[in-house]
Amino acid sequence: VPSKKADMLDKAQQRVDRITKDFRRGLITEEERYRGVVDTWKDFICPASDIPEPLNEADNPRALFENGYLRKGQGMTFVSVPGVGKSVMINQSAICWGAGKPDVMGMKPVAGRPVRTLIIQYEDDDEEMSEFYSNYYKGFTWPVSRGGLGWTPEEYAEAIKNVHYLNVRKMRTEKKNPLTDEAVVEVISDIQRKRHYDLIVINPLTSAMSEYDISDNADANKFFR
């Protein structure tokens, strides 16, 4: 916000605060309070034609998906009851995004750019993930007439080059030297500094934060940053 506009907003808010204070003290009526607040803010109403054009996401180095769905440095969560297939959904989505394929869950990679993803798995072990990816291969490469996506094997192979997997479950249950959640975060941070992934998926988030108080903003910020 330009400094001049910011000053105007501050003065307007101060006026609204005074009006509200006068109303609470019984110095003005509800109608007078309402009219005073409306008159204060009406100068900030502008026609839709004056709203600036959105940034072309193709020119934004932080953009991952079109329409501003997700940019580097931002986060989002997928929430549902257990057993509906969130893990499968996010893994399959990551494969599509790794190929720059459009419109998975309405999220289209910017300019068809592949999205490099690190999936941090806290529950499924290597054997389970191997089985998942075997099934994914079939689903992606089977013909559309058989319920698949009709990708060529080469398209699939190119896509999964951009999807990497880290088994944190193994790191946390290692008998000789199990890692704490805080130590795991340090490992992940070191990997990101070296590999520079576009997107990091934590599955499931609640398992990753078992040593943190997710209801405490300071604790949550410590984990996410």
Protein backbone atom coordinates (compact mmCIF):
# COMPACT_ATOMS: atom_id res chain seq x y z
CA VAL A 1 0.00 0.00 0.00
CA PRO A 2 1.49 3.43 -0.93
CA SER A 3 2.46 5.53 2.09
CA LYS A 4 -0.15 8.21 1.32
CA LYS A 5 -2.89 5.59 1.16
CA ALA A 6 -1.64 4.03 4.39
CA ASP A 7 -1.87 7.43 6.15
CA MET A 8 -5.43 7.85 4.89
CA LEU A 9 -6.36 4.39 6.20
CA ASP A 10 -4.86 5.16 9.60
CA LYS A 11 -6.79 8.44 9.88
CA ALA A 12 -10.02 6.75 8.76
CA GLN A 13 -9.59 4.00 11.34
CA GLN A 14 -8.95 6.59 14.05
CA ARG A 15 -12.19 8.35 13.10
CA VAL A 16 -14.14 5.08 13.18
CA ASP A 17 -12.67 4.31 16.61
CA ARG A 18 -13.81 7.74 17.88
CA ILE A 19 -17.32 7.20 16.47
CA THR A 20 -17.51 3.77 18.12
CA LYS A 21 -16.30 5.22 21.43
CA ASP A 22 -18.93 7.99 21.28
CA PHE A 23 -21.65 5.43 20.58
CA ARG A 24 -20.60 3.27 23.55
CA ARG A 25 -20.68 6.37 25.78
CA GLY A 26 -24.24 7.11 24.62
CA LEU A 27 -23.30 10.37 22.88
CA ILE A 28 -24.68 9.33 19.48
CA THR A 29 -27.44 7.00 18.28
CA GLU A 30 -27.03 3.70 16.40
CA GLU A 31 -28.16 5.45 13.21
CA GLU A 32 -25.54 8.19 13.67
CA ARG A 33 -22.85 5.60 14.36
CA TYR A 34 -23.76 3.63 11.23
CA ARG A 35 -23.86 6.72 9.02
CA GLY A 36 -20.56 7.99 10.40
CA VAL A 37 -18.76 4.68 9.71
CA VAL A 38 -20.20 4.41 6.18
CA ASP A 39 -19.25 8.03 5.36
CA THR A 40 -15.73 7.43 6.66
CA TRP A 41 -15.03 4.41 4.48
CA LYS A 42 -16.89 5.46 1.31
CA ASP A 43 -13.80 7.27 0.01
CA PHE A 44 -12.07 3.89 -0.27
CA ILE A 45 -14.73 2.39 -2.56
CA CYS A 46 -13.49 2.10 -6.13
CA PRO A 47 -15.02 0.67 -9.32
CA ALA A 48 -13.92 -2.77 -10.44
CA SER A 49 -12.38 -1.17 -13.53
CA ASP A 50 -9.80 0.53 -11.28
CA ILE A 51 -8.56 -2.75 -9.82
CA PRO A 52 -5.10 -3.51 -11.30
CA GLU A 53 -4.61 -6.50 -13.55
CA PRO A 54 -3.32 -9.59 -11.70
CA LEU A 55 0.33 -10.48 -12.04
CA ASN A 56 1.07 -12.83 -14.92
CA GLU A 57 2.01 -15.96 -12.98
CA ALA A 58 4.35 -17.06 -15.77
CA ASP A 59 6.52 -14.04 -14.87
CA ASN A 60 6.42 -14.77 -11.13
CA PRO A 61 9.38 -16.95 -10.06
CA ARG A 62 7.57 -17.87 -6.81
CA ALA A 63 4.43 -19.12 -8.55
CA LEU A 64 3.83 -22.87 -8.72
CA PHE A 65 0.25 -22.97 -9.93
CA GLU A 66 -1.96 -20.65 -11.93
CA ASN A 67 -4.63 -18.48 -10.29
CA GLY A 68 -2.41 -18.00 -7.24
CA TYR A 69 -3.31 -21.36 -5.70
CA LEU A 70 0.11 -21.91 -4.17
CA ARG A 71 3.42 -20.08 -4.29
CA LYS A 72 6.83 -20.85 -2.86
CA GLY A 73 6.86 -20.01 0.82
CA GLN A 74 3.14 -20.67 1.25
CA GLY A 75 1.36 -23.73 2.60
CA MET A 76 -1.95 -25.55 2.39
CA THR A 77 -3.54 -28.58 4.04
CA PHE A 78 -5.74 -31.44 2.87
CA VAL A 79 -8.13 -32.49 5.64
CA SER A 80 -10.55 -35.41 5.75
CA VAL A 81 -11.60 -38.39 7.85
CA PRO A 82 -9.19 -41.36 7.93
CA GLY A 83 -9.30 -43.94 5.16
CA VAL A 84 -10.53 -41.85 2.24
CA GLY A 85 -7.20 -41.97 0.38
CA LYS A 86 -5.50 -38.63 1.06
CA SER A 87 -2.04 -40.22 0.72
CA VAL A 88 -2.90 -41.78 -2.62
CA MET A 89 -4.45 -38.54 -3.84
CA ILE A 90 -1.44 -36.37 -2.99
CA ASN A 91 1.04 -38.87 -4.44
CA GLN A 92 -0.87 -39.10 -7.70
CA SER A 93 -1.21 -35.31 -7.81
CA ALA A 94 2.55 -34.91 -7.29
CA ILE A 95 3.21 -37.20 -10.26
CA CYS A 96 0.91 -35.14 -12.48
CA TRP A 97 2.49 -31.89 -11.30
CA GLY A 98 5.94 -33.42 -11.83
CA ALA A 99 5.05 -33.70 -15.51
CA GLY A 100 3.60 -30.20 -15.60
CA LYS A 101 0.23 -31.77 -16.39
CA PRO A 102 -2.72 -29.42 -16.10
CA ASP A 103 -5.66 -29.12 -13.80
CA VAL A 104 -5.24 -31.69 -11.02
CA MET A 105 -7.86 -30.72 -8.39
CA GLY A 106 -8.12 -27.42 -10.27
CA MET A 107 -4.40 -26.72 -9.73
CA LYS A 108 -2.53 -26.16 -12.99
CA PRO A 109 1.28 -25.76 -12.96
CA VAL A 110 2.31 -22.35 -14.28
CA ALA A 111 3.15 -22.45 -18.00
CA GLY A 112 3.33 -26.24 -17.86
CA ARG A 113 6.47 -26.08 -15.72
CA PRO A 114 7.18 -29.35 -13.85
CA VAL A 115 6.88 -29.03 -10.08
CA ARG A 116 9.72 -30.74 -8.17
CA THR A 117 8.21 -32.32 -5.07
CA LEU A 118 9.63 -33.95 -1.93
CA ILE A 119 7.10 -36.22 -0.20
CA ILE A 120 7.95 -36.71 3.47
CA GLN A 121 6.20 -39.88 4.55
CA TYR A 122 5.59 -40.42 8.27
CA GLU A 123 3.40 -43.54 8.19
CA ASP A 124 3.77 -45.78 5.12
CA ASP A 125 6.96 -47.83 4.90
CA ASP A 126 9.10 -48.56 1.82
CA GLU A 127 7.20 -51.74 0.96
CA GLU A 128 3.86 -49.95 1.04
CA MET A 129 5.17 -47.08 -1.07
CA SER A 130 6.61 -49.53 -3.60
CA GLU A 131 3.19 -51.14 -3.92
CA PHE A 132 1.54 -47.74 -4.28
CA TYR A 133 3.85 -46.69 -7.10
CA SER A 134 3.43 -49.99 -8.89
CA ASN A 135 -0.31 -49.35 -8.94
CA TYR A 136 0.19 -45.73 -9.94
CA TYR A 137 2.21 -46.84 -12.96
CA LYS A 138 -0.64 -49.05 -14.11
CA GLY A 139 -3.23 -46.33 -13.57
CA PHE A 140 -1.26 -43.67 -15.37
CA THR A 141 -0.21 -45.78 -18.37
CA TRP A 142 -3.32 -47.85 -18.94
CA PRO A 143 -5.48 -46.68 -21.87
CA VAL A 144 -8.25 -44.21 -21.13
CA SER A 145 -10.74 -46.83 -22.35
CA ARG A 146 -9.65 -49.02 -19.38
CA GLY A 147 -9.93 -46.23 -16.81
CA GLY A 148 -6.30 -45.07 -17.00
CA LEU A 149 -4.81 -41.73 -18.03
CA GLY A 150 -3.21 -43.01 -21.23
CA TRP A 151 0.31 -41.77 -20.51
CA THR A 152 3.23 -43.35 -22.29
CA PRO A 153 5.81 -45.13 -20.09
CA GLU A 154 8.27 -42.40 -21.06
CA GLU A 155 5.92 -39.66 -19.82
CA TYR A 156 5.50 -41.45 -16.51
CA ALA A 157 9.24 -42.03 -16.10
CA GLU A 158 9.96 -38.36 -16.78
CA ALA A 159 7.31 -37.25 -14.28
CA ILE A 160 8.56 -39.34 -11.34
CA LYS A 161 12.05 -37.89 -11.79
CA ASN A 162 10.56 -34.80 -10.20
CA VAL A 163 8.95 -36.66 -7.27
CA HIS A 164 11.26 -37.73 -4.46
CA TYR A 165 10.36 -39.64 -1.34
CA LEU A 166 11.79 -39.52 2.20
CA ASN A 167 10.84 -42.27 4.66
CA VAL A 168 10.79 -40.52 8.03
CA ARG A 169 9.06 -43.46 9.68
CA LYS A 170 12.28 -45.46 9.30
CA MET A 171 14.36 -42.58 10.67
CA ARG A 172 12.17 -42.24 13.77
CA THR A 173 12.00 -45.97 14.58
CA GLU A 174 15.66 -46.81 14.01
CA LYS A 175 16.60 -48.96 17.01
CA LYS A 176 20.19 -47.76 17.41
CA ASN A 177 19.73 -44.03 16.85
CA PRO A 178 16.09 -42.90 16.48
CA LEU A 179 15.66 -39.26 15.55
CA THR A 180 13.41 -36.85 17.42
CA ASP A 181 10.90 -34.73 15.50
CA GLU A 182 13.14 -31.70 15.90
CA ALA A 183 16.12 -33.60 14.50
CA VAL A 184 14.01 -34.79 11.54
CA VAL A 185 13.10 -31.17 10.78
CA GLU A 186 16.81 -30.32 10.70
CA VAL A 187 17.44 -33.17 8.25
CA ILE A 188 14.60 -31.99 6.00
CA SER A 189 15.85 -28.38 6.16
CA ASP A 190 19.34 -29.51 5.13
CA ILE A 191 17.91 -31.50 2.20
CA GLN A 192 15.89 -28.48 1.04
CA ARG A 193 18.91 -26.18 1.22
CA LYS A 194 20.78 -28.54 -1.09
CA ARG A 195 18.00 -29.68 -3.45
CA HIS A 196 15.69 -26.63 -3.62
CA TYR A 197 12.38 -28.47 -4.08
CA ASP A 198 9.42 -26.44 -5.32
CA LEU A 199 6.94 -28.24 -3.09
CA ILE A 200 7.29 -30.21 0.15
CA VAL A 201 4.48 -32.57 1.14
CA ILE A 202 4.24 -33.77 4.76
CA ASN A 203 2.05 -36.85 5.11
CA PRO A 204 0.41 -36.82 7.60
CA LEU A 205 1.06 -33.46 9.23
CA THR A 206 -0.20 -34.52 12.67
CA SER A 207 2.43 -37.26 12.89
CA ALA A 208 5.16 -34.80 11.97
CA MET A 209 4.16 -32.45 14.79
CA SER A 210 3.79 -34.97 17.61
CA GLU A 211 6.43 -33.14 19.68
CA TYR A 212 5.00 -29.71 18.89
CA ASP A 213 1.87 -27.99 20.23
CA ILE A 214 -0.05 -27.29 17.03
CA SER A 215 -2.43 -25.01 18.96
CA ASP A 216 0.46 -22.75 19.99
CA ASN A 217 1.39 -20.23 17.27
CA ALA A 218 5.02 -19.97 18.37
CA ASP A 219 5.46 -23.76 18.33
CA ALA A 220 3.68 -24.12 14.98
CA ASN A 221 5.77 -21.33 13.41
CA LYS A 222 8.95 -22.96 14.69
CA PHE A 223 8.01 -26.18 12.91
CA PHE A 224 6.86 -24.67 9.61
CA ARG A 225 9.72 -22.21 9.25
